[in-house]
Amino acid sequence: MNGTPGGTITVGTRLFFDGGLWEVTELTATAVVMRDALGGLRQASISGLLADPATRLLDATPAEPAP
């Protein structure tokens, strides 16, 4: 994954994944549901999303440092 290092994926996060622009609409412990600009939906595992070297978080909130 490229883009914001240490970013946090939340509902509303926009990202580039598998050749398209997506917005996270649902989030579980292991997967995300994303919507594209045309309203198409796609589910992906978080591990697959983060393992893909082409994934870029476009506007992720930086993670807070551990206490």
N, C-alpha and C. Protein backbone atom coordinates (compact mmCIF):
# COMPACT_ATOMS: atom_id res chain seq x y z
N MET A 1 0.84 -1.17 0.00
CA MET A 1 0.00 0.00 0.00
C MET A 1 0.88 1.23 0.00
N ASN A 2 0.48 2.19 -0.79
CA ASN A 2 1.18 3.47 -0.86
C ASN A 2 0.26 4.56 -0.34
N GLY A 3 0.73 5.79 -0.32
CA GLY A 3 -0.11 6.90 0.10
C GLY A 3 0.23 7.33 1.51
N THR A 4 -0.80 7.61 2.31
CA THR A 4 -0.60 8.11 3.65
C THR A 4 -0.02 7.02 4.54
N PRO A 5 1.24 7.16 4.96
CA PRO A 5 1.81 6.14 5.83
C PRO A 5 1.14 6.20 7.20
N GLY A 6 0.78 5.04 7.74
CA GLY A 6 0.19 5.01 9.07
C GLY A 6 -1.21 5.55 9.12
N GLY A 7 -1.86 5.68 7.97
CA GLY A 7 -3.21 6.21 7.93
C GLY A 7 -4.22 5.25 8.53
N THR A 8 -5.39 5.78 8.85
CA THR A 8 -6.47 4.99 9.41
C THR A 8 -7.61 4.91 8.40
N ILE A 9 -8.11 3.72 8.18
CA ILE A 9 -9.24 3.53 7.28
C ILE A 9 -10.52 3.59 8.11
N THR A 10 -11.41 4.50 7.77
CA THR A 10 -12.69 4.64 8.44
C THR A 10 -13.78 4.81 7.38
N VAL A 11 -15.03 4.77 7.81
CA VAL A 11 -16.12 5.05 6.88
C VAL A 11 -15.90 6.47 6.35
N GLY A 12 -15.97 6.61 5.04
CA GLY A 12 -15.73 7.89 4.39
C GLY A 12 -14.35 8.04 3.79
N THR A 13 -13.42 7.15 4.16
CA THR A 13 -12.07 7.21 3.58
C THR A 13 -12.16 6.96 2.08
N ARG A 14 -11.51 7.81 1.30
CA ARG A 14 -11.44 7.61 -0.14
C ARG A 14 -10.11 6.95 -0.45
N LEU A 15 -10.14 6.01 -1.40
CA LEU A 15 -8.91 5.31 -1.75
C LEU A 15 -8.93 4.88 -3.21
N PHE A 16 -7.73 4.63 -3.70
CA PHE A 16 -7.54 4.08 -5.04
C PHE A 16 -7.20 2.62 -4.83
N PHE A 17 -8.01 1.72 -5.44
CA PHE A 17 -7.81 0.29 -5.26
C PHE A 17 -8.22 -0.43 -6.53
N ASP A 18 -7.37 -1.32 -6.99
CA ASP A 18 -7.67 -2.18 -8.14
C ASP A 18 -8.13 -1.38 -9.36
N GLY A 19 -7.46 -0.27 -9.60
CA GLY A 19 -7.72 0.54 -10.79
C GLY A 19 -8.89 1.50 -10.70
N GLY A 20 -9.50 1.64 -9.53
CA GLY A 20 -10.65 2.54 -9.41
C GLY A 20 -10.60 3.37 -8.14
N LEU A 21 -11.42 4.44 -8.13
CA LEU A 21 -11.55 5.29 -6.96
C LEU A 21 -12.77 4.83 -6.17
N TRP A 22 -12.59 4.66 -4.86
CA TRP A 22 -13.63 4.11 -4.00
C TRP A 22 -13.75 4.94 -2.73
N GLU A 23 -14.93 4.86 -2.10
CA GLU A 23 -15.14 5.44 -0.78
C GLU A 23 -15.66 4.33 0.13
N VAL A 24 -15.06 4.21 1.31
CA VAL A 24 -15.47 3.18 2.26
C VAL A 24 -16.84 3.56 2.82
N THR A 25 -17.81 2.63 2.71
CA THR A 25 -19.16 2.88 3.21
C THR A 25 -19.51 2.02 4.41
N GLU A 26 -18.84 0.88 4.56
CA GLU A 26 -19.04 0.00 5.71
C GLU A 26 -17.69 -0.59 6.10
N LEU A 27 -17.55 -0.88 7.37
CA LEU A 27 -16.29 -1.39 7.88
C LEU A 27 -16.58 -2.43 8.96
N THR A 28 -15.97 -3.61 8.83
CA THR A 28 -16.05 -4.64 9.87
C THR A 28 -14.64 -4.93 10.34
N ALA A 29 -14.49 -5.91 11.20
CA ALA A 29 -13.17 -6.25 11.71
C ALA A 29 -12.25 -6.79 10.62
N THR A 30 -12.82 -7.38 9.56
CA THR A 30 -11.98 -8.02 8.55
C THR A 30 -12.22 -7.54 7.12
N ALA A 31 -13.21 -6.68 6.90
CA ALA A 31 -13.54 -6.31 5.52
C ALA A 31 -14.08 -4.88 5.44
N VAL A 32 -14.07 -4.36 4.22
CA VAL A 32 -14.68 -3.06 3.94
C VAL A 32 -15.64 -3.23 2.77
N VAL A 33 -16.68 -2.42 2.75
CA VAL A 33 -17.54 -2.28 1.59
C VAL A 33 -17.27 -0.89 1.05
N MET A 34 -17.05 -0.81 -0.27
CA MET A 34 -16.71 0.46 -0.90
C MET A 34 -17.71 0.76 -2.01
N ARG A 35 -17.90 2.06 -2.27
CA ARG A 35 -18.78 2.51 -3.35
C ARG A 35 -17.96 3.36 -4.31
N ASP A 36 -18.18 3.16 -5.61
CA ASP A 36 -17.50 3.98 -6.60
C ASP A 36 -18.40 5.15 -7.01
N ALA A 37 -17.92 6.00 -7.89
CA ALA A 37 -18.65 7.21 -8.29
C ALA A 37 -19.96 6.90 -9.00
N LEU A 38 -20.08 5.71 -9.58
CA LEU A 38 -21.30 5.34 -10.29
C LEU A 38 -22.27 4.58 -9.38
N GLY A 39 -21.92 4.44 -8.10
CA GLY A 39 -22.79 3.76 -7.16
C GLY A 39 -22.55 2.27 -7.05
N GLY A 40 -21.57 1.76 -7.78
CA GLY A 40 -21.24 0.34 -7.69
C GLY A 40 -20.63 0.01 -6.34
N LEU A 41 -20.92 -1.17 -5.84
CA LEU A 41 -20.40 -1.61 -4.55
C LEU A 41 -19.40 -2.74 -4.72
N ARG A 42 -18.45 -2.77 -3.82
CA ARG A 42 -17.45 -3.85 -3.82
C ARG A 42 -17.02 -4.11 -2.39
N GLN A 43 -16.86 -5.38 -2.07
CA GLN A 43 -16.36 -5.77 -0.76
C GLN A 43 -14.95 -6.29 -0.93
N ALA A 44 -14.09 -5.95 0.02
CA ALA A 44 -12.70 -6.43 -0.02
C ALA A 44 -12.24 -6.70 1.41
N SER A 45 -11.39 -7.69 1.55
CA SER A 45 -10.81 -7.93 2.87
C SER A 45 -9.81 -6.82 3.17
N ILE A 46 -9.71 -6.47 4.42
CA ILE A 46 -8.76 -5.43 4.81
C ILE A 46 -7.34 -5.90 4.53
N SER A 47 -7.05 -7.18 4.79
CA SER A 47 -5.70 -7.68 4.54
C SER A 47 -5.36 -7.61 3.06
N GLY A 48 -6.31 -7.94 2.19
CA GLY A 48 -6.07 -7.84 0.75
C GLY A 48 -5.88 -6.41 0.30
N LEU A 49 -6.68 -5.52 0.86
CA LEU A 49 -6.59 -4.10 0.53
C LEU A 49 -5.22 -3.55 0.90
N LEU A 50 -4.76 -3.88 2.10
CA LEU A 50 -3.48 -3.35 2.57
C LEU A 50 -2.28 -4.05 1.93
N ALA A 51 -2.45 -5.29 1.48
CA ALA A 51 -1.35 -6.02 0.86
C ALA A 51 -1.11 -5.60 -0.58
N ASP A 52 -2.12 -5.02 -1.22
CA ASP A 52 -1.99 -4.62 -2.62
C ASP A 52 -1.08 -3.39 -2.71
N PRO A 53 0.06 -3.51 -3.39
CA PRO A 53 1.00 -2.38 -3.45
C PRO A 53 0.45 -1.17 -4.20
N ALA A 54 -0.60 -1.33 -4.97
CA ALA A 54 -1.17 -0.21 -5.71
C ALA A 54 -2.23 0.55 -4.91
N THR A 55 -2.66 0.03 -3.77
CA THR A 55 -3.66 0.72 -2.95
C THR A 55 -3.08 2.01 -2.41
N ARG A 56 -3.86 3.10 -2.55
CA ARG A 56 -3.44 4.40 -2.01
C ARG A 56 -4.59 4.99 -1.23
N LEU A 57 -4.35 5.36 0.02
CA LEU A 57 -5.33 6.08 0.80
C LEU A 57 -5.24 7.54 0.41
N LEU A 58 -6.34 8.12 -0.05
CA LEU A 58 -6.29 9.47 -0.58
C LEU A 58 -6.48 10.54 0.48
N ASP A 59 -7.25 10.25 1.51
CA ASP A 59 -7.49 11.26 2.54
C ASP A 59 -7.66 10.64 3.90
N ALA A 60 -6.82 9.67 4.21
CA ALA A 60 -6.92 8.98 5.49
C ALA A 60 -6.44 9.88 6.62
N THR A 61 -7.06 9.68 7.78
CA THR A 61 -6.63 10.38 8.97
C THR A 61 -5.36 9.72 9.49
N PRO A 62 -4.31 10.49 9.74
CA PRO A 62 -3.10 9.86 10.27
C PRO A 62 -3.38 9.17 11.61
N ALA A 63 -2.78 8.02 11.78
CA ALA A 63 -2.96 7.28 13.04
C ALA A 63 -2.31 8.04 14.18
N GLU A 64 -2.93 7.97 15.36
CA GLU A 64 -2.34 8.60 16.53
C GLU A 64 -1.24 7.71 17.08
N PRO A 65 -0.17 8.31 17.58
CA PRO A 65 0.91 7.49 18.14
C PRO A 65 0.43 6.73 19.38
N ALA A 66 0.99 5.55 19.57
CA ALA A 66 0.64 4.75 20.74
C ALA A 66 1.14 5.45 22.00
N PRO A 67 0.38 5.36 23.09
CA PRO A 67 0.83 6.03 24.34
C PRO A 67 2.05 5.38 24.92
